Structure formats: structure tokens, C-alpha cells
Amino acid sequence: MAHRKLPILDPTGFVVLGEQRGPSIPPAEWQGLEFIDWKSGGDTNFAPLASALGEMECRGFWDHGKPDKDGIWTKNREIAPSLVRYVEQIGARYGRVRVIELNPSDEATALRQLHLDDNNRLNPDGEGWVVRAWLELDAPPGSTFILRELKDDPATESRIPLHPGMQMVIDTERLWHVVHNPGPKPRHALITSFESGEALQAWIDSQLPVEVGAR
């Protein structure tokens, strides 16, 4: 039995949504989080908000015998209640919830970090496919999300300019991806693993329209 997927992601594997609605996230929340030196997609640090067992670690849920679902809040939730509310109000089943801190690099260095995520290991057949949602918290001018269907083929590439308040959902097990942050400051974003299903689709619908998979 195949996993349930979202038809809106079929054409390109991603959807760019409207701006974050409601109260903005206070910068003190992500600036005050406890970060861990964890490398993924560049010179990065991660602040785990929800992990497999609620511990301050960034390992895959499969290390604990779980799919990337049913995340448990860490002690960072006390520092960032607005980020917790943002995730919970979406209403979909979530797994990993983290804030990424990406340090600057040149574009060539960023492109060498193109990667796929491992979102669906141990995900039972018949359940929803796990995708990832982004909320940009801050982004130096010129920051760009780079997506490719084929890692070494620029003809399959889409580029999304980033700015604070942007929201997007990406099938990061399908698309090779990386963010180029030209600096001079780090870029921060909230990344959440969500299960595909009616709840996530309803939230996506409520955040449209801006563009769907535009190249």
C-alpha cells in the first residue's frame, strides 16, 4: 500500500505559500534557543524544539525506532512559545521541529551541499508521506532556496528568493535542496516535518495563494 501524498505537490514537489499570518514571532525567541552544532546543508547549527523523545538532540527518529512523526517538545519550547503555537495551530501530525542557523557561504560552496532528506524511514505503508514546512524567521538579502529534481542538472532547478515571514512546503525526499546565504549574518528558519493528509492540505489551502511551484 502506497503512502498518502498531497496532489498539490505532484507537479514540482513544492509549494510557496502566503506570508505568515497573525502575530509575528519575537526575534528573542529564536535568538534565545539552545543550539546544537549539527551539520546539514552547510555550516549549520540546529535548535531542537521537538525531537523523537523530547531530548536535546538532532538524530533521526529511526534511531529510536520511530518514523518522523509524533515529535515530543524539548525544553526549548519554554523559550519559544510562539513557535510552538505556530506548529500546533497547523493541526497536522508533526515530527522533527527545529530552528536552523545557517552561516554564510559563497554559492559554489552552497551548491556542493545539495542533499535529499530522509523523512520516511520506518513510515508505515498507508500512512501520510512526511514532507517539510519552512517558516523563514530572518534571511539576509539575497538568500535563496535552491531546489533540483536532479542533483547535477541545473535545467531541473527552481530558485526561491527568501525573506522573513515566508512559508513553504517541500517534499525534501524528492527534491535535492540547499539554501545559499550570502551573509553577512546567519539565516534562521523554522523547519517542521509534517505528515501529508487532510489537516496539512487544509492549512496549505488556507495560506494560498501566492504561487504553486513556479519556476
Protein backbone atom coordinates (compact mmCIF):
# COMPACT_ATOMS: atom_id res chain seq x y z
CA MET A 1 0.00 0.00 0.00
CA ALA A 2 1.45 3.37 -1.01
CA HIS A 3 1.82 6.35 1.29
CA ARG A 4 -0.78 9.12 1.06
CA LYS A 5 0.63 12.20 -0.67
CA LEU A 6 -0.62 15.71 -1.37
CA PRO A 7 -1.68 16.26 -5.01
CA ILE A 8 -0.66 19.93 -4.78
CA LEU A 9 2.97 18.77 -4.60
CA ASP A 10 2.74 16.45 -7.63
CA PRO A 11 3.77 18.98 -10.34
CA THR A 12 7.00 20.31 -8.83
CA GLY A 13 7.41 18.90 -5.33
CA PHE A 14 6.98 22.24 -3.57
CA VAL A 15 4.50 24.99 -2.89
CA VAL A 16 5.27 28.58 -1.85
CA LEU A 17 2.55 29.94 0.43
CA GLY A 18 1.48 33.37 1.54
CA GLU A 19 3.13 35.33 4.31
CA GLN A 20 2.82 34.20 7.90
CA ARG A 21 -0.44 35.49 9.35
CA GLY A 22 -1.17 36.66 12.85
CA PRO A 23 1.35 37.94 15.38
CA SER A 24 4.96 37.84 14.23
CA ILE A 25 7.46 35.66 16.08
CA PRO A 26 9.53 37.75 18.53
CA PRO A 27 13.21 37.54 17.49
CA ALA A 28 14.14 36.92 21.15
CA GLU A 29 12.51 33.51 20.84
CA TRP A 30 14.82 32.06 18.21
CA GLN A 31 17.79 34.10 19.39
CA GLY A 32 17.43 32.67 22.89
CA LEU A 33 17.18 29.00 21.90
CA GLU A 34 19.77 26.41 22.82
CA PHE A 35 21.52 25.36 19.60
CA ILE A 36 23.48 22.20 18.83
CA ASP A 37 26.40 22.00 16.41
CA TRP A 38 24.81 19.75 13.76
CA LYS A 39 25.81 19.92 10.11
CA SER A 40 23.22 19.55 7.35
CA GLY A 41 23.25 21.53 4.12
CA GLY A 42 26.20 23.73 5.07
CA ASP A 43 27.74 25.31 8.14
CA THR A 44 24.72 24.87 10.38
CA ASN A 45 23.56 24.71 13.96
CA PHE A 46 20.12 23.45 14.99
CA ALA A 47 17.88 24.21 17.94
CA PRO A 48 15.58 21.20 18.50
CA LEU A 49 12.07 22.19 19.54
CA ALA A 50 10.60 18.70 19.12
CA SER A 51 12.64 15.51 18.90
CA ALA A 52 11.89 11.79 18.99
CA LEU A 53 11.95 11.53 22.80
CA GLY A 54 11.91 15.18 23.83
CA GLU A 55 15.66 15.25 24.34
CA MET A 56 18.00 17.98 23.12
CA GLU A 57 19.36 16.04 20.16
CA CYS A 58 19.02 16.10 16.37
CA ARG A 59 19.27 12.42 15.41
CA GLY A 60 16.75 10.81 13.10
CA PHE A 61 13.66 9.39 14.74
CA TRP A 62 14.57 5.99 13.30
CA ASP A 63 17.42 5.80 15.82
CA HIS A 64 14.64 5.45 18.40
CA GLY A 65 12.50 3.07 16.33
CA LYS A 66 10.04 5.77 15.25
CA PRO A 67 9.03 7.32 11.94
CA ASP A 68 9.45 11.11 11.70
CA LYS A 69 6.11 11.69 13.43
CA ASP A 70 4.76 12.28 16.94
CA GLY A 71 7.56 14.61 17.98
CA ILE A 72 7.88 15.46 21.67
CA TRP A 73 8.63 19.02 22.72
CA THR A 74 12.07 19.72 24.20
CA LYS A 75 12.96 22.22 26.89
CA ASN A 76 13.39 24.80 24.11
CA ARG A 77 9.59 25.08 23.99
CA GLU A 78 9.72 27.25 27.12
CA ILE A 79 11.89 29.77 25.28
CA ALA A 80 9.84 29.86 22.08
CA PRO A 81 6.10 29.54 22.87
CA SER A 82 5.10 31.43 19.69
CA LEU A 83 6.96 28.92 17.53
CA VAL A 84 5.25 26.06 19.38
CA ARG A 85 1.83 27.65 18.82
CA TYR A 86 2.64 28.18 15.14
CA VAL A 87 3.32 24.46 14.68
CA GLU A 88 0.38 23.27 16.74
CA GLN A 89 -2.18 25.55 15.07
CA ILE A 90 -1.46 23.91 11.71
CA GLY A 91 -3.18 20.83 13.11
CA ALA A 92 -1.17 18.19 11.25
CA ARG A 93 0.83 15.38 12.82
CA TYR A 94 4.41 16.60 13.27
CA GLY A 95 7.78 15.00 13.92
CA ARG A 96 11.07 16.91 13.94
CA VAL A 97 10.67 20.61 14.74
CA ARG A 98 13.88 22.63 14.64
CA VAL A 99 15.25 26.10 14.06
CA ILE A 100 18.18 26.11 11.67
CA GLU A 101 21.00 28.62 11.88
CA LEU A 102 22.83 28.72 8.54
CA ASN A 103 26.09 30.62 8.35
CA PRO A 104 27.08 32.50 5.17
CA SER A 105 28.91 30.91 2.23
CA ASP A 106 29.55 31.54 -1.43
CA GLU A 107 27.15 30.00 -3.95
CA ALA A 108 29.59 27.33 -5.16
CA THR A 109 30.04 26.08 -1.61
CA ALA A 110 26.28 26.02 -1.08
CA LEU A 111 25.69 24.01 -4.27
CA ARG A 112 28.12 21.35 -3.08
CA GLN A 113 25.73 20.84 -0.13
CA LEU A 114 22.69 19.88 -2.24
CA HIS A 115 21.07 16.93 -0.47
CA LEU A 116 17.92 14.87 -0.01
CA ASP A 117 16.28 14.38 3.38
CA ASP A 118 15.44 11.00 4.89
CA ASN A 119 11.88 11.73 6.01
CA ASN A 120 10.08 8.42 5.60
CA ARG A 121 12.26 5.71 7.07
CA LEU A 122 10.02 3.46 9.20
CA ASN A 123 6.92 5.30 7.90
CA PRO A 124 4.21 2.59 7.75
CA ASP A 125 2.56 1.88 4.39
CA GLY A 126 -0.82 3.54 4.08
CA GLU A 127 0.06 6.48 6.32
CA GLY A 128 0.80 10.01 5.13
CA TRP A 129 4.09 10.82 3.40
CA VAL A 130 6.30 13.09 5.51
CA VAL A 131 7.20 16.45 3.95
CA ARG A 132 8.77 19.54 5.44
CA ALA A 133 7.47 23.06 6.03
CA TRP A 134 9.58 26.19 6.38
CA LEU A 135 8.89 29.49 8.10
CA GLU A 136 11.64 32.00 7.41
CA LEU A 137 12.48 33.89 10.59
CA ASP A 138 15.23 36.08 9.21
CA ALA A 139 17.16 35.96 5.96
CA PRO A 140 19.96 38.24 4.75
CA PRO A 141 19.15 39.91 1.41
CA GLY A 142 19.97 37.60 -1.47
CA SER A 143 19.27 34.39 0.46
CA THR A 144 17.88 31.79 -1.94
CA PHE A 145 16.36 28.32 -1.67
CA ILE A 146 17.74 26.14 -4.49
CA LEU A 147 15.76 23.04 -5.49
CA ARG A 148 16.61 20.44 -8.13
CA GLU A 149 14.87 17.33 -9.38
CA LEU A 150 18.28 16.00 -10.46
CA LYS A 151 21.29 16.93 -8.36
CA ASP A 152 23.70 17.62 -11.20
CA ASP A 153 21.25 19.09 -13.73
CA PRO A 154 20.69 22.86 -13.40
CA ALA A 155 17.94 22.58 -16.03
CA THR A 156 15.76 20.96 -13.34
CA GLU A 157 16.38 23.79 -10.89
CA SER A 158 13.99 26.18 -9.16
CA ARG A 159 15.17 29.15 -7.09
CA ILE A 160 13.07 30.81 -4.39
CA PRO A 161 14.22 34.19 -3.01
CA LEU A 162 13.81 34.22 0.77
CA HIS A 163 12.63 36.87 3.19
CA PRO A 164 11.28 36.88 6.77
CA GLY A 165 7.72 35.60 7.10
CA MET A 166 7.83 33.35 4.02
CA GLN A 167 6.17 29.94 4.28
CA MET A 168 6.65 26.93 2.02
CA VAL A 169 6.14 23.18 1.95
CA ILE A 170 8.65 20.95 0.16
CA ASP A 171 8.92 17.22 -0.47
CA THR A 172 12.58 17.15 0.51
CA GLU A 173 12.90 13.42 -0.05
CA ARG A 174 12.07 14.06 -3.72
CA LEU A 175 13.93 17.33 -4.34
CA TRP A 176 17.62 18.00 -3.86
CA HIS A 177 17.81 21.22 -1.90
CA VAL A 178 20.04 23.75 -0.21
CA VAL A 179 19.88 27.40 0.86
CA HIS A 180 22.51 29.88 -0.24
CA ASN A 181 23.01 32.55 2.41
CA PRO A 182 25.40 35.23 1.09
CA GLY A 183 25.64 36.85 4.53
CA PRO A 184 26.94 38.75 6.27
CA LYS A 185 24.73 37.40 9.09
CA PRO A 186 23.38 33.89 9.75
CA ARG A 187 19.94 32.94 8.42
CA HIS A 188 17.32 31.36 10.71
CA ALA A 189 14.22 29.37 9.79
CA LEU A 190 11.76 27.03 11.47
CA ILE A 191 11.70 23.58 9.84
CA THR A 192 8.92 21.11 10.69
CA SER A 193 8.29 17.57 9.48
CA PHE A 194 4.55 17.14 8.79
CA GLU A 195 2.51 14.15 7.76
CA SER A 196 0.64 14.58 4.47
CA GLY A 197 -3.10 14.39 4.97
CA GLU A 198 -6.31 16.38 5.24
CA ALA A 199 -5.06 18.61 8.05
CA LEU A 200 -1.91 19.69 6.23
CA GLN A 201 -3.82 20.19 2.98
CA ALA A 202 -6.42 22.34 4.75
CA TRP A 203 -3.68 24.52 6.23
CA ILE A 204 -1.97 24.88 2.84
CA ASP A 205 -5.29 25.86 1.26
CA SER A 206 -5.78 28.49 3.97
CA GLN A 207 -2.38 30.02 3.19
CA LEU A 208 -2.81 30.28 -0.60
CA PRO A 209 -2.50 31.89 -2.99
CA VAL A 210 0.92 33.16 -3.88
CA GLU A 211 2.35 30.68 -6.34
CA VAL A 212 2.39 26.94 -6.72
CA GLY A 213 5.67 25.51 -7.93
CA ALA A 214 6.53 28.46 -10.19
CA ARG A 215 9.88 28.15 -11.91
